[in-house]
Amino acid sequence: MSNQVTVYTTDTCPYCAMVKNFLMEKGVSFNEVNVQQDPEAGQKLVETTGQKGVPQIEINGEWVLGYDPETITNLLGK
């Protein structure tokens, strides 16, 4: 099964870089949405999750807030 992964980031977020590196090391392809460059996407993200912080990762319709390798790995394994 192919995972649908979207990572919401900003340019200055060190944890965003950590999440992207973690996914790349695992060989997981993902879409990146930079909410700093796309404020409309950022607003939609806040409306969807109620959270303003990044990174936020959507994995197959489930959300992970922040850099949480254990939860990310668990969701990728489903």
N, C-alpha and C. Protein backbone atom coordinates (compact mmCIF):
# COMPACT_ATOMS: atom_id res chain seq x y z
N MET A 1 0.84 -1.19 0.00
CA MET A 1 0.00 0.00 0.00
C MET A 1 0.88 1.25 0.00
N SER A 2 0.51 2.20 -0.78
CA SER A 2 1.25 3.45 -0.86
C SER A 2 0.68 4.43 0.15
N ASN A 3 1.57 5.04 0.92
CA ASN A 3 1.14 6.02 1.91
C ASN A 3 0.96 7.38 1.25
N GLN A 4 -0.09 8.08 1.65
CA GLN A 4 -0.31 9.46 1.24
C GLN A 4 0.19 10.35 2.36
N VAL A 5 1.30 11.05 2.11
CA VAL A 5 1.94 11.84 3.17
C VAL A 5 2.10 13.28 2.69
N THR A 6 1.63 14.22 3.53
CA THR A 6 1.82 15.64 3.27
C THR A 6 2.44 16.26 4.51
N VAL A 7 3.50 17.02 4.31
CA VAL A 7 4.20 17.69 5.40
C VAL A 7 3.99 19.19 5.25
N TYR A 8 3.45 19.82 6.29
CA TYR A 8 3.23 21.27 6.29
C TYR A 8 4.38 21.92 7.04
N THR A 9 5.04 22.89 6.39
CA THR A 9 6.30 23.44 6.88
C THR A 9 6.33 24.96 6.78
N THR A 10 7.41 25.54 7.35
CA THR A 10 7.80 26.92 7.07
C THR A 10 9.29 26.90 6.75
N ASP A 11 9.79 28.03 6.25
CA ASP A 11 11.20 28.12 5.86
C ASP A 11 12.15 28.04 7.06
N THR A 12 11.70 28.50 8.22
CA THR A 12 12.60 28.69 9.36
C THR A 12 12.46 27.63 10.45
N CYS A 13 11.69 26.60 10.20
CA CYS A 13 11.37 25.60 11.23
C CYS A 13 12.38 24.45 11.21
N PRO A 14 13.21 24.33 12.27
CA PRO A 14 14.19 23.24 12.28
C PRO A 14 13.55 21.86 12.38
N TYR A 15 12.40 21.76 13.05
CA TYR A 15 11.73 20.46 13.17
C TYR A 15 11.13 20.02 11.84
N CYS A 16 10.76 20.99 11.00
CA CYS A 16 10.27 20.66 9.66
C CYS A 16 11.37 19.96 8.86
N ALA A 17 12.58 20.50 8.95
CA ALA A 17 13.72 19.88 8.25
C ALA A 17 13.98 18.49 8.80
N MET A 18 13.84 18.32 10.11
CA MET A 18 14.06 17.00 10.72
C MET A 18 13.03 15.99 10.21
N VAL A 19 11.78 16.41 10.12
CA VAL A 19 10.73 15.51 9.62
C VAL A 19 11.01 15.12 8.18
N LYS A 20 11.34 16.10 7.34
CA LYS A 20 11.62 15.80 5.92
C LYS A 20 12.81 14.86 5.79
N ASN A 21 13.87 15.10 6.55
CA ASN A 21 15.04 14.22 6.52
C ASN A 21 14.69 12.82 6.99
N PHE A 22 13.88 12.72 8.04
CA PHE A 22 13.46 11.43 8.57
C PHE A 22 12.70 10.64 7.50
N LEU A 23 11.75 11.30 6.83
CA LEU A 23 10.96 10.62 5.80
C LEU A 23 11.85 10.21 4.62
N MET A 24 12.77 11.09 4.22
CA MET A 24 13.66 10.74 3.10
C MET A 24 14.55 9.56 3.45
N GLU A 25 15.05 9.52 4.70
CA GLU A 25 15.89 8.38 5.13
C GLU A 25 15.11 7.08 5.10
N LYS A 26 13.79 7.16 5.36
CA LYS A 26 12.93 5.97 5.35
C LYS A 26 12.46 5.63 3.93
N GLY A 27 12.81 6.50 2.97
CA GLY A 27 12.38 6.25 1.59
C GLY A 27 10.91 6.54 1.36
N VAL A 28 10.33 7.42 2.17
CA VAL A 28 8.90 7.74 2.06
C VAL A 28 8.76 9.00 1.20
N SER A 29 7.98 8.89 0.13
CA SER A 29 7.73 10.08 -0.68
C SER A 29 6.62 10.89 -0.01
N PHE A 30 6.73 12.21 -0.14
CA PHE A 30 5.75 13.09 0.51
C PHE A 30 5.60 14.37 -0.29
N ASN A 31 4.47 15.01 -0.09
CA ASN A 31 4.23 16.34 -0.64
C ASN A 31 4.54 17.34 0.47
N GLU A 32 5.17 18.44 0.11
CA GLU A 32 5.45 19.49 1.08
C GLU A 32 4.59 20.70 0.75
N VAL A 33 3.94 21.24 1.78
CA VAL A 33 3.19 22.48 1.64
C VAL A 33 3.82 23.48 2.60
N ASN A 34 4.44 24.51 2.03
CA ASN A 34 5.08 25.53 2.83
C ASN A 34 4.04 26.61 3.13
N VAL A 35 3.56 26.64 4.38
CA VAL A 35 2.49 27.57 4.73
C VAL A 35 2.98 29.01 4.85
N GLN A 36 4.28 29.18 4.91
CA GLN A 36 4.86 30.53 4.91
C GLN A 36 4.73 31.14 3.50
N GLN A 37 4.90 30.31 2.50
CA GLN A 37 4.80 30.76 1.11
C GLN A 37 3.37 30.69 0.58
N ASP A 38 2.53 29.90 1.26
CA ASP A 38 1.13 29.72 0.84
C ASP A 38 0.22 29.95 2.05
N PRO A 39 -0.03 31.22 2.39
CA PRO A 39 -0.83 31.54 3.58
C PRO A 39 -2.24 30.94 3.53
N GLU A 40 -2.79 30.80 2.34
CA GLU A 40 -4.13 30.21 2.20
C GLU A 40 -4.11 28.75 2.70
N ALA A 41 -3.07 28.02 2.35
CA ALA A 41 -2.93 26.64 2.82
C ALA A 41 -2.75 26.62 4.34
N GLY A 42 -2.03 27.60 4.86
CA GLY A 42 -1.84 27.70 6.31
C GLY A 42 -3.15 27.92 7.03
N GLN A 43 -4.01 28.78 6.48
CA GLN A 43 -5.31 29.04 7.08
C GLN A 43 -6.17 27.79 7.05
N LYS A 44 -6.14 27.08 5.93
CA LYS A 44 -6.91 25.83 5.81
C LYS A 44 -6.42 24.80 6.82
N LEU A 45 -5.09 24.75 7.02
CA LEU A 45 -4.51 23.82 7.99
C LEU A 45 -5.02 24.12 9.39
N VAL A 46 -5.03 25.40 9.79
CA VAL A 46 -5.53 25.78 11.12
C VAL A 46 -7.00 25.41 11.25
N GLU A 47 -7.78 25.64 10.21
CA GLU A 47 -9.20 25.29 10.25
C GLU A 47 -9.40 23.78 10.37
N THR A 48 -8.51 23.00 9.75
CA THR A 48 -8.63 21.54 9.75
C THR A 48 -8.20 20.94 11.08
N THR A 49 -7.06 21.40 11.61
CA THR A 49 -6.48 20.75 12.79
C THR A 49 -6.63 21.55 14.08
N GLY A 50 -6.91 22.85 13.94
CA GLY A 50 -6.98 23.70 15.12
C GLY A 50 -5.61 24.07 15.66
N GLN A 51 -4.55 23.73 14.92
CA GLN A 51 -3.17 23.97 15.37
C GLN A 51 -2.48 24.94 14.42
N LYS A 52 -1.72 25.88 15.00
CA LYS A 52 -0.96 26.82 14.17
C LYS A 52 0.48 26.39 13.97
N GLY A 53 0.98 25.51 14.81
CA GLY A 53 2.39 25.13 14.75
C GLY A 53 2.71 24.21 13.59
N VAL A 54 3.98 24.19 13.24
CA VAL A 54 4.50 23.25 12.24
C VAL A 54 5.73 22.56 12.83
N PRO A 55 6.11 21.42 12.37
CA PRO A 55 5.48 20.72 11.26
C PRO A 55 4.19 20.03 11.67
N GLN A 56 3.32 19.88 10.72
CA GLN A 56 2.16 19.01 10.84
C GLN A 56 2.24 18.05 9.67
N ILE A 57 2.00 16.80 9.97
CA ILE A 57 2.13 15.76 8.96
C ILE A 57 0.80 15.02 8.85
N GLU A 58 0.27 14.95 7.63
CA GLU A 58 -0.92 14.15 7.40
C GLU A 58 -0.49 12.86 6.73
N ILE A 59 -0.82 11.74 7.38
CA ILE A 59 -0.46 10.43 6.86
C ILE A 59 -1.74 9.62 6.70
N ASN A 60 -2.13 9.40 5.48
CA ASN A 60 -3.33 8.62 5.18
C ASN A 60 -4.54 9.13 5.96
N GLY A 61 -4.67 10.47 6.04
CA GLY A 61 -5.83 11.07 6.70
C GLY A 61 -5.69 11.26 8.19
N GLU A 62 -4.59 10.83 8.78
CA GLU A 62 -4.37 11.02 10.22
C GLU A 62 -3.27 12.06 10.41
N TRP A 63 -3.35 12.80 11.52
CA TRP A 63 -2.47 13.95 11.73
C TRP A 63 -1.46 13.69 12.82
N VAL A 64 -0.24 14.18 12.59
CA VAL A 64 0.83 14.17 13.60
C VAL A 64 1.30 15.62 13.73
N LEU A 65 1.33 16.12 14.96
CA LEU A 65 1.80 17.48 15.21
C LEU A 65 3.22 17.40 15.75
N GLY A 66 4.14 18.07 15.06
CA GLY A 66 5.52 18.11 15.52
C GLY A 66 6.33 16.92 15.02
N TYR A 67 7.59 16.92 15.43
CA TYR A 67 8.51 15.85 15.04
C TYR A 67 8.36 14.71 16.02
N ASP A 68 7.66 13.66 15.59
CA ASP A 68 7.34 12.51 16.44
C ASP A 68 7.60 11.23 15.63
N PRO A 69 8.89 10.83 15.55
CA PRO A 69 9.25 9.69 14.69
C PRO A 69 8.48 8.41 15.01
N GLU A 70 8.20 8.16 16.28
CA GLU A 70 7.51 6.92 16.66
C GLU A 70 6.09 6.90 16.08
N THR A 71 5.36 7.98 16.25
CA THR A 71 3.99 8.04 15.73
C THR A 71 4.00 8.01 14.20
N ILE A 72 4.93 8.75 13.59
CA ILE A 72 5.04 8.75 12.13
C ILE A 72 5.28 7.33 11.62
N THR A 73 6.22 6.62 12.24
CA THR A 73 6.53 5.25 11.83
C THR A 73 5.32 4.34 12.00
N ASN A 74 4.60 4.48 13.12
CA ASN A 74 3.42 3.67 13.35
C ASN A 74 2.35 3.92 12.29
N LEU A 75 2.11 5.18 11.95
CA LEU A 75 1.10 5.49 10.94
C LEU A 75 1.50 5.02 9.56
N LEU A 76 2.78 5.08 9.26
CA LEU A 76 3.25 4.60 7.96
C LEU A 76 3.11 3.09 7.83
N GLY A 77 3.14 2.40 8.97
CA GLY A 77 3.07 0.94 8.96
C GLY A 77 1.68 0.39 8.87
N LYS A 78 0.66 1.23 9.00
CA LYS A 78 -0.72 0.75 8.97
C LYS A 78 -1.11 0.29 7.59
